[in-house]
Amino acid sequence: MTRVLVAGDHFVTPPLVVEALGRFTGLDIITHTGPWPHTPFGRVGEVDEASDIEDELIALLPGVEVAITQMAPFTERVLADARALRLIVVTRGGPVNVNLAAAEARGIEVRSTPGRNAAAAAEHTIALLLAALRQIPATHASVLAGEWRSDLYALDAVGSELGGATVGLVGYGAIGRRVARILRAFDATVLVHDPYADPGALDGAKLVTMDELLSRSQVLSLHARLTAETRGMIGAKELAQLPHGAVLVNSARGGLLDYPAVAAALESGRLRAAAFDVFDVEPLPADSPLRTAPNAVLTPHLAGATVQTARRAAQQAADALAAYAASG
């Protein structure tokens, strides 16, 4: 029997993963439910975006060969006591909550589930974009407040259409590609900047330099991974290159953007609107200038949160276990 720990939470729940593992025989499965998302994740030891459950994890790992998790912190301290562990599957796009060097040193293979939330994040991006273009949150709030803003029909106040717009995408991975397909269905022109994009897989989008992307994009949407290279890649200088009155969307990672510069661009009218699901500090601080900036649409890092994402993550985790078993 292979002992498997399913360290789930309240999104990718243990029952979902156990159900996905039903195709296997010979598994001895134990489960644990972590506190996320009721308790926010954070840095635990030397790993990021994890739940602070090191002690519980250490107590559960003796004899465990395979661990499947989303938020459990596989730190040096945890791995030091996981002598039987041979495989960690993280049900996320990347294993940010695993000390990869420590795992490799112990011969532990680490797999993840890239693309699990691509559909959800792409759809949320389009929702944010449309909400910003058409001022939906603000006008909804005005109706609830008893107003009837027919003055917003004035030419200098109305929103704009996505159809016919030029939209620039920074990053063309699984999410960026889905966003591009949806945008083309709206008859938008799609520009892409991604040094790693396959020119043969653009499917109607056009690969351009960053300078061209910025100078032409009436809408700019970020889909890059956060790395040392991309951190802070959009700041005041880049915002100034956008056409006046452009719209900015970020559903990727908060560290890609200089948010004070964005707030200033919204205040000045340099940006017509902006929509964000991610921030450089989360939860968004009470004194963030985004809270008072005009025409800002904000959601609390929920782009990937759908029932289908959770089910897909569980199924992909089972696929990763099958691939591991086949390779050994």
Protein backbone atom coordinates (compact mmCIF):
# COMPACT_ATOMS: atom_id res chain seq x y z
CA MET A 1 0.00 0.00 0.00
CA THR A 2 1.18 3.50 -0.87
CA ARG A 3 0.48 5.96 1.92
CA VAL A 4 -0.89 9.25 0.54
CA LEU A 5 -1.51 12.46 2.45
CA VAL A 6 -4.17 14.72 0.99
CA ALA A 7 -3.57 18.06 2.71
CA GLY A 8 -6.47 20.02 1.28
CA ASP A 9 -8.29 23.16 2.35
CA HIS A 10 -11.71 24.75 1.93
CA PHE A 11 -11.29 25.25 -1.84
CA VAL A 12 -9.50 22.15 -3.14
CA THR A 13 -11.11 20.01 -0.49
CA PRO A 14 -9.89 16.56 0.58
CA PRO A 15 -13.12 14.88 -0.67
CA LEU A 16 -12.55 16.30 -4.16
CA VAL A 17 -9.01 14.90 -4.27
CA VAL A 18 -9.98 11.56 -2.73
CA GLU A 19 -12.72 11.22 -5.35
CA ALA A 20 -10.19 11.93 -8.12
CA LEU A 21 -7.88 9.28 -6.67
CA GLY A 22 -10.66 6.71 -6.90
CA ARG A 23 -9.15 5.37 -10.15
CA PHE A 24 -6.19 3.96 -8.19
CA THR A 25 -5.96 0.83 -6.10
CA GLY A 26 -3.49 0.17 -3.31
CA LEU A 27 -3.61 3.62 -1.75
CA ASP A 28 -3.78 4.26 1.99
CA ILE A 29 -5.14 7.81 2.07
CA ILE A 30 -5.10 10.13 5.08
CA THR A 31 -6.55 13.63 4.91
CA HIS A 32 -6.14 17.01 6.54
CA THR A 33 -8.12 20.21 5.95
CA GLY A 34 -6.10 23.40 6.25
CA PRO A 35 -7.56 26.81 7.13
CA TRP A 36 -7.31 28.55 3.74
CA PRO A 37 -9.14 30.61 2.50
CA HIS A 38 -10.78 31.41 5.84
CA THR A 39 -7.28 32.24 7.08
CA PRO A 40 -5.15 34.06 4.49
CA PHE A 41 -1.96 32.45 3.26
CA GLY A 42 1.43 34.08 3.73
CA ARG A 43 5.12 33.36 4.04
CA VAL A 44 5.91 30.34 6.18
CA GLY A 45 9.57 29.75 6.90
CA GLU A 46 11.33 30.12 3.58
CA VAL A 47 8.33 29.43 1.30
CA ASP A 48 5.62 31.74 0.00
CA GLU A 49 1.82 31.65 -0.21
CA ALA A 50 1.33 28.87 2.32
CA SER A 51 -0.84 28.10 5.33
CA ASP A 52 1.00 28.11 8.64
CA ILE A 53 0.49 24.43 9.48
CA GLU A 54 4.07 23.15 9.74
CA ASP A 55 3.50 21.32 13.02
CA GLU A 56 0.35 19.55 11.80
CA LEU A 57 2.10 18.58 8.59
CA ILE A 58 5.12 17.15 10.40
CA ALA A 59 2.84 15.03 12.57
CA LEU A 60 1.04 13.61 9.52
CA LEU A 61 4.01 12.83 7.26
CA PRO A 62 5.68 9.78 8.86
CA GLY A 63 5.33 6.90 6.38
CA VAL A 64 3.76 9.13 3.70
CA GLU A 65 5.19 8.53 0.23
CA VAL A 66 2.95 10.94 -1.72
CA ALA A 67 1.60 14.31 -0.53
CA ILE A 68 -1.06 16.23 -2.47
CA THR A 69 -1.72 19.77 -1.33
CA GLN A 70 -2.50 23.32 -2.32
CA MET A 71 -1.29 25.45 0.58
CA ALA A 72 0.67 23.18 2.96
CA PRO A 73 4.19 24.56 3.64
CA PHE A 74 6.88 22.09 2.56
CA THR A 75 9.73 23.91 4.22
CA GLU A 76 13.20 22.59 5.09
CA ARG A 77 11.88 21.91 8.59
CA VAL A 78 8.92 19.88 7.29
CA LEU A 79 10.94 17.94 4.73
CA ALA A 80 13.62 17.04 7.28
CA ASP A 81 11.12 14.73 9.02
CA ALA A 82 9.47 13.38 5.84
CA ARG A 83 11.81 10.44 5.34
CA ALA A 84 9.43 8.32 3.27
CA LEU A 85 8.23 11.14 1.04
CA ARG A 86 8.95 10.68 -2.68
CA LEU A 87 6.39 12.90 -4.44
CA ILE A 88 4.71 16.24 -3.70
CA VAL A 89 1.88 17.37 -5.95
CA VAL A 90 0.87 21.01 -5.55
CA THR A 91 -2.59 21.72 -6.97
CA ARG A 92 -1.56 25.14 -8.24
CA GLY A 93 0.14 26.62 -11.29
CA GLY A 94 3.50 26.44 -9.54
CA PRO A 95 4.90 24.94 -6.31
CA VAL A 96 5.66 28.23 -4.56
CA ASN A 97 4.93 26.67 -1.17
CA VAL A 98 7.68 24.04 -1.57
CA ASN A 99 11.37 24.48 -0.82
CA LEU A 100 12.46 22.99 -4.15
CA ALA A 101 16.16 22.85 -3.30
CA ALA A 102 15.46 20.94 -0.09
CA ALA A 103 13.11 18.56 -1.92
CA GLU A 104 15.65 17.89 -4.66
CA ALA A 105 18.37 17.25 -2.12
CA ARG A 106 16.20 14.51 -0.59
CA GLY A 107 15.23 12.95 -3.92
CA ILE A 108 11.62 14.16 -3.66
CA GLU A 109 9.91 14.87 -6.98
CA VAL A 110 7.67 17.95 -7.10
CA ARG A 111 4.83 18.37 -9.60
CA SER A 112 2.12 21.00 -9.98
CA THR A 113 -1.08 21.54 -11.97
CA PRO A 114 -0.44 24.34 -14.47
CA GLY A 115 -3.47 25.63 -16.29
CA ARG A 116 -5.95 24.47 -13.66
CA ASN A 117 -7.44 27.96 -13.35
CA ALA A 118 -6.73 29.26 -16.86
CA ALA A 119 -10.39 29.31 -17.92
CA ALA A 120 -11.53 30.95 -14.69
CA ALA A 121 -8.79 33.59 -14.67
CA ALA A 122 -9.34 34.40 -18.34
CA GLU A 123 -13.07 34.86 -17.87
CA HIS A 124 -12.53 37.01 -14.77
CA THR A 125 -10.08 39.16 -16.72
CA ILE A 126 -12.69 39.81 -19.39
CA ALA A 127 -15.29 40.53 -16.69
CA LEU A 128 -12.96 43.08 -15.07
CA LEU A 129 -12.21 44.64 -18.43
CA LEU A 130 -15.86 45.04 -19.37
CA ALA A 131 -16.73 46.32 -15.90
CA ALA A 132 -14.03 48.98 -16.20
CA LEU A 133 -14.89 49.96 -19.78
CA ARG A 134 -18.59 50.36 -18.97
CA GLN A 135 -18.24 51.65 -15.38
CA ILE A 136 -20.52 48.89 -14.13
CA PRO A 137 -19.62 48.84 -10.40
CA ALA A 138 -19.94 52.62 -10.04
CA THR A 139 -23.25 52.83 -11.91
CA HIS A 140 -24.62 49.83 -9.99
CA ALA A 141 -23.75 51.58 -6.72
CA SER A 142 -25.38 54.80 -7.94
CA VAL A 143 -28.68 53.02 -8.70
CA LEU A 144 -28.65 51.40 -5.25
CA ALA A 145 -28.07 54.86 -3.77
CA GLY A 146 -31.27 56.12 -5.43
CA GLU A 147 -29.60 57.97 -8.29
CA TRP A 148 -30.44 57.77 -11.97
CA ARG A 149 -27.30 58.95 -13.78
CA SER A 150 -28.66 59.74 -17.22
CA ASP A 151 -25.92 62.40 -17.39
CA LEU A 152 -23.53 59.51 -18.04
CA TYR A 153 -25.00 59.38 -21.55
CA ALA A 154 -22.98 62.51 -22.36
CA LEU A 155 -20.31 61.86 -24.96
CA ASP A 156 -17.47 62.76 -22.63
CA ALA A 157 -18.82 60.41 -19.92
CA VAL A 158 -19.96 57.26 -21.73
CA GLY A 159 -17.96 54.07 -21.70
CA SER A 160 -16.30 52.49 -24.72
CA GLU A 161 -16.61 49.20 -26.57
CA LEU A 162 -14.21 46.30 -26.57
CA GLY A 163 -15.02 45.57 -30.20
CA GLY A 164 -12.54 47.35 -32.43
CA ALA A 165 -10.19 48.20 -29.55
CA THR A 166 -6.50 47.37 -29.58
CA VAL A 167 -5.68 45.23 -26.55
CA GLY A 168 -2.14 44.50 -25.46
CA LEU A 169 -1.34 41.37 -23.48
CA VAL A 170 1.87 41.14 -21.47
CA GLY A 171 2.41 37.40 -21.17
CA TYR A 172 1.02 34.68 -23.41
CA GLY A 173 0.80 31.58 -21.29
CA ALA A 174 -2.29 29.45 -20.72
CA ILE A 175 -4.33 32.38 -19.38
CA GLY A 176 -3.09 34.95 -21.89
CA ARG A 177 -3.93 32.66 -24.80
CA ARG A 178 -7.48 32.15 -23.54
CA VAL A 179 -7.94 35.88 -23.04
CA ALA A 180 -6.74 36.48 -26.60
CA ARG A 181 -9.27 34.01 -28.01
CA ILE A 182 -12.12 35.71 -26.15
CA LEU A 183 -10.93 39.16 -27.22
CA ARG A 184 -10.89 38.14 -30.86
CA ALA A 185 -14.50 37.01 -30.52
CA PHE A 186 -15.24 40.63 -29.56
CA ASP A 187 -13.44 41.79 -32.74
CA ALA A 188 -10.60 43.33 -30.77
CA THR A 189 -7.09 43.60 -32.22
CA VAL A 190 -4.73 41.64 -29.97
CA LEU A 191 -1.06 42.51 -29.50
CA VAL A 192 1.26 40.32 -27.44
CA HIS A 193 4.57 40.89 -25.73
CA ASP A 194 6.18 37.74 -24.37
CA PRO A 195 9.82 36.83 -25.11
CA TYR A 196 8.95 33.17 -24.58
CA ALA A 197 5.85 33.03 -26.80
CA ASP A 198 5.84 30.61 -29.72
CA PRO A 199 5.36 32.76 -32.87
CA GLY A 200 3.59 29.81 -34.48
CA ALA A 201 0.95 29.65 -31.75
CA LEU A 202 -0.33 33.23 -31.79
CA ASP A 203 -3.59 32.30 -33.57
CA GLY A 204 -4.39 35.76 -34.86
CA ALA A 205 -2.57 37.82 -32.25
CA LYS A 206 0.52 39.82 -33.22
CA LEU A 207 3.83 39.54 -31.37
CA VAL A 208 5.38 42.99 -30.84
CA THR A 209 8.03 44.75 -28.78
CA MET A 210 7.12 46.17 -25.39
CA ASP A 211 7.44 49.72 -26.69
CA GLU A 212 5.04 49.04 -29.56
CA LEU A 213 2.62 47.25 -27.27
CA LEU A 214 2.51 50.17 -24.86
CA SER A 215 2.21 52.85 -27.53
CA ARG A 216 -0.71 51.12 -29.29
CA SER A 217 -2.74 49.49 -26.51
CA GLN A 218 -6.01 51.15 -25.65
CA VAL A 219 -6.36 48.35 -23.13
CA LEU A 220 -3.39 46.73 -21.38
CA SER A 221 -3.84 43.39 -19.59
CA LEU A 222 -1.09 41.67 -17.59
CA HIS A 223 -0.59 37.90 -17.66
CA ALA A 224 3.11 37.49 -16.89
CA ARG A 225 4.58 35.41 -14.10
CA LEU A 226 6.19 37.35 -11.26
CA THR A 227 9.95 36.91 -11.46
CA ALA A 228 12.98 39.06 -10.70
CA GLU A 229 12.81 40.13 -14.34
CA THR A 230 9.13 41.12 -14.33
CA ARG A 231 8.76 42.63 -10.85
CA GLY A 232 7.69 46.26 -11.17
CA MET A 233 7.70 46.03 -14.97
CA ILE A 234 4.84 48.53 -15.33
CA GLY A 235 5.48 51.84 -13.59
CA ALA A 236 5.11 55.54 -14.27
CA LYS A 237 7.38 55.43 -17.33
CA GLU A 238 5.41 52.62 -18.97
CA LEU A 239 2.03 54.13 -18.08
CA ALA A 240 3.11 57.35 -19.78
CA GLN A 241 3.70 55.41 -23.01
CA LEU A 242 0.08 54.22 -23.18
CA PRO A 243 -2.42 56.19 -25.26
CA HIS A 244 -4.16 58.84 -23.16
CA GLY A 245 -7.30 57.36 -21.59
CA ALA A 246 -6.14 53.73 -21.76
CA VAL A 247 -7.56 51.05 -19.49
CA LEU A 248 -5.31 48.79 -17.39
CA VAL A 249 -6.18 45.30 -16.08
CA ASN A 250 -4.13 43.03 -13.82
CA SER A 251 -5.31 39.59 -12.76
CA ALA A 252 -1.83 38.03 -12.69
CA ARG A 253 0.39 39.16 -9.80
CA GLY A 254 0.42 42.42 -7.88
CA GLY A 255 4.19 42.70 -7.95
CA LEU A 256 4.13 43.40 -11.69
CA LEU A 257 2.75 46.90 -11.11
CA ASP A 258 3.69 50.13 -9.37
CA TYR A 259 0.28 50.76 -7.79
CA PRO A 260 0.94 54.30 -6.49
CA ALA A 261 1.86 55.25 -10.08
CA VAL A 262 -1.38 53.65 -11.28
CA ALA A 263 -3.42 55.58 -8.72
CA ALA A 264 -1.75 58.81 -9.82
CA ALA A 265 -2.51 58.02 -13.48
CA LEU A 266 -6.17 57.45 -12.60
CA GLU A 267 -6.34 60.72 -10.65
CA SER A 268 -4.82 62.67 -13.53
CA GLY A 269 -7.01 61.00 -16.15
CA ARG A 270 -3.96 59.54 -17.88
CA LEU A 271 -5.70 56.20 -17.33
CA ARG A 272 -9.44 56.23 -18.00
CA ALA A 273 -10.04 53.20 -15.79
CA ALA A 274 -8.28 50.24 -14.20
CA ALA A 275 -9.37 46.87 -12.86
CA PHE A 276 -7.36 44.70 -10.50
CA ASP A 277 -7.77 41.32 -8.87
CA VAL A 278 -4.25 41.27 -7.39
CA PHE A 279 -2.20 43.78 -5.41
CA ASP A 280 1.36 44.27 -4.25
CA VAL A 281 0.15 43.99 -0.64
CA GLU A 282 -2.78 41.70 0.17
CA PRO A 283 -5.23 42.28 1.75
CA LEU A 284 -5.35 45.77 0.26
CA PRO A 285 -4.26 48.23 3.00
CA ALA A 286 -6.77 50.72 4.33
CA ASP A 287 -4.56 53.59 3.20
CA SER A 288 -4.04 52.31 -0.35
CA PRO A 289 -4.54 55.14 -2.87
CA LEU A 290 -6.47 52.68 -5.03
CA ARG A 291 -9.35 52.85 -2.56
CA THR A 292 -10.03 56.48 -3.46
CA ALA A 293 -8.76 56.55 -7.05
CA PRO A 294 -11.50 57.23 -9.62
CA ASN A 295 -12.71 54.51 -12.00
CA ALA A 296 -10.95 51.64 -10.25
CA VAL A 297 -12.61 48.20 -10.18
CA LEU A 298 -11.21 45.95 -7.43
CA THR A 299 -11.77 42.29 -6.55
CA PRO A 300 -10.00 40.33 -3.76
CA HIS A 301 -7.76 37.87 -5.68
CA LEU A 302 -10.64 35.68 -6.84
CA ALA A 303 -9.90 35.34 -10.57
CA GLY A 304 -9.18 31.62 -10.35
CA ALA A 305 -11.94 30.81 -7.87
CA THR A 306 -14.53 28.60 -9.55
CA VAL A 307 -15.98 25.18 -8.81
CA GLN A 308 -14.45 23.95 -12.05
CA THR A 309 -10.97 25.14 -11.03
CA ALA A 310 -11.12 23.13 -7.81
CA ARG A 311 -12.36 20.00 -9.58
CA ARG A 312 -9.78 20.40 -12.35
CA ALA A 313 -6.99 20.77 -9.78
CA ALA A 314 -8.02 17.53 -8.09
CA GLN A 315 -8.15 15.66 -11.41
CA GLN A 316 -4.77 17.04 -12.49
CA ALA A 317 -3.27 15.97 -9.18
CA ALA A 318 -4.47 12.43 -9.86
CA ASP A 319 -2.97 12.66 -13.35
CA ALA A 320 0.34 13.73 -11.82
CA LEU A 321 0.30 10.72 -9.52
CA ALA A 322 -0.43 8.44 -12.47
CA ALA A 323 2.46 9.92 -14.44
CA TYR A 324 4.78 9.51 -11.46
CA ALA A 325 3.74 5.86 -11.03
CA ALA A 326 4.26 5.20 -14.75
CA SER A 327 7.74 6.75 -14.69
CA GLY A 328 8.96 4.64 -11.83
